């Protein structure tokens, strides 16, 4: 489902950029480019959320971070990559 949101944001952004290229007025170009940026941000944002039902368990794992887990540690407690506490 998250891929759908991400793909939709990219497609909308592409359409807004195409509209900006064809626009004759500078204000319309700027507006279309701002909308393209918002579409990409919304797509990434919506793709980042998951719904976990009441009778299910969700595991939160961080894939992007500056630090990896130290040796011997299995749960991230200070913002490292890996399963989050």
Protein backbone atom coordinates (compact mmCIF):
# COMPACT_ATOMS: atom_id res chain seq x y z
CA UNK A 1 0.00 0.00 0.00
CA UNK A 2 2.85 2.38 0.75
CA UNK A 3 4.19 1.95 -2.78
CA UNK A 4 0.84 3.20 -4.10
CA UNK A 5 1.13 6.43 -2.09
CA UNK A 6 4.72 6.93 -3.15
CA UNK A 7 3.95 6.25 -6.82
CA UNK A 8 0.91 8.56 -6.69
CA UNK A 9 3.00 11.38 -5.24
CA UNK A 10 5.63 11.01 -7.96
CA UNK A 11 3.00 10.88 -10.73
CA UNK A 12 1.23 13.98 -9.38
CA UNK A 13 4.56 15.80 -9.08
CA UNK A 14 5.36 14.91 -12.69
CA UNK A 15 2.02 16.27 -13.84
CA UNK A 16 2.56 19.49 -11.90
CA UNK A 17 6.04 19.92 -13.40
CA UNK A 18 4.62 19.36 -16.89
CA UNK A 19 1.99 22.00 -16.17
CA UNK A 20 4.70 24.37 -14.92
CA UNK A 21 6.66 23.95 -18.15
CA UNK A 22 3.60 24.81 -20.26
CA UNK A 23 2.44 27.72 -18.06
CA UNK A 24 2.87 31.15 -19.56
CA UNK A 25 2.84 33.20 -16.36
CA UNK A 26 5.58 33.07 -13.75
CA UNK A 27 3.07 32.91 -10.88
CA UNK A 28 1.48 29.78 -12.36
CA UNK A 29 4.89 28.16 -12.82
CA UNK A 30 5.87 28.82 -9.22
CA UNK A 31 2.52 27.55 -7.96
CA UNK A 32 2.79 24.36 -10.03
CA UNK A 33 6.33 23.70 -8.79
CA UNK A 34 5.30 24.26 -5.16
CA UNK A 35 2.39 21.83 -5.68
CA UNK A 36 4.84 19.32 -7.19
CA UNK A 37 7.03 19.56 -4.11
CA UNK A 38 4.03 19.15 -1.82
CA UNK A 39 2.87 16.10 -3.79
CA UNK A 40 6.26 14.42 -3.36
CA UNK A 41 6.39 15.24 0.36
CA UNK A 42 2.81 13.97 0.83
CA UNK A 43 3.61 10.77 -1.07
CA UNK A 44 6.66 10.06 1.09
CA UNK A 45 4.78 11.01 4.24
CA UNK A 46 1.79 8.79 3.54
CA UNK A 47 4.09 5.93 2.54
CA UNK A 48 5.80 6.17 5.95
CA UNK A 49 2.74 5.34 8.06
CA UNK A 50 1.36 1.89 8.79
CA UNK A 51 -1.89 0.85 10.43
CA UNK A 52 -1.62 -1.99 12.93
CA UNK A 53 -4.95 -3.51 13.96
CA UNK A 54 -5.80 -4.09 17.62
CA UNK A 55 -5.25 -7.85 17.37
CA UNK A 56 -1.86 -7.53 15.60
CA UNK A 57 1.70 -6.73 16.63
CA UNK A 58 3.80 -4.16 14.78
CA UNK A 59 7.58 -4.06 14.69
CA UNK A 60 9.14 -0.62 14.24
CA UNK A 61 12.50 -0.74 12.49
CA UNK A 62 14.59 2.23 11.43
CA UNK A 63 16.37 1.68 8.09
CA UNK A 64 18.07 5.07 7.71
CA UNK A 65 20.28 6.55 10.42
CA UNK A 66 23.82 7.83 10.91
CA UNK A 67 24.78 5.15 13.44
CA UNK A 68 24.45 1.37 13.40
CA UNK A 69 23.77 -0.73 16.47
CA UNK A 70 26.83 -1.36 18.64
CA UNK A 71 28.12 -4.94 18.78
CA UNK A 72 26.02 -7.11 21.09
CA UNK A 73 23.04 -4.74 21.20
CA UNK A 74 19.83 -5.99 19.55
CA UNK A 75 17.44 -3.07 20.18
CA UNK A 76 18.12 0.56 19.28
CA UNK A 77 17.58 2.90 22.21
CA UNK A 78 19.35 6.07 21.06
CA UNK A 79 18.16 6.51 17.45
CA UNK A 80 20.44 3.95 15.79
CA UNK A 81 19.43 1.80 12.80
CA UNK A 82 17.52 -1.38 13.62
CA UNK A 83 14.54 -2.49 15.72
CA UNK A 84 13.40 0.43 17.86
CA UNK A 85 12.60 0.24 21.57
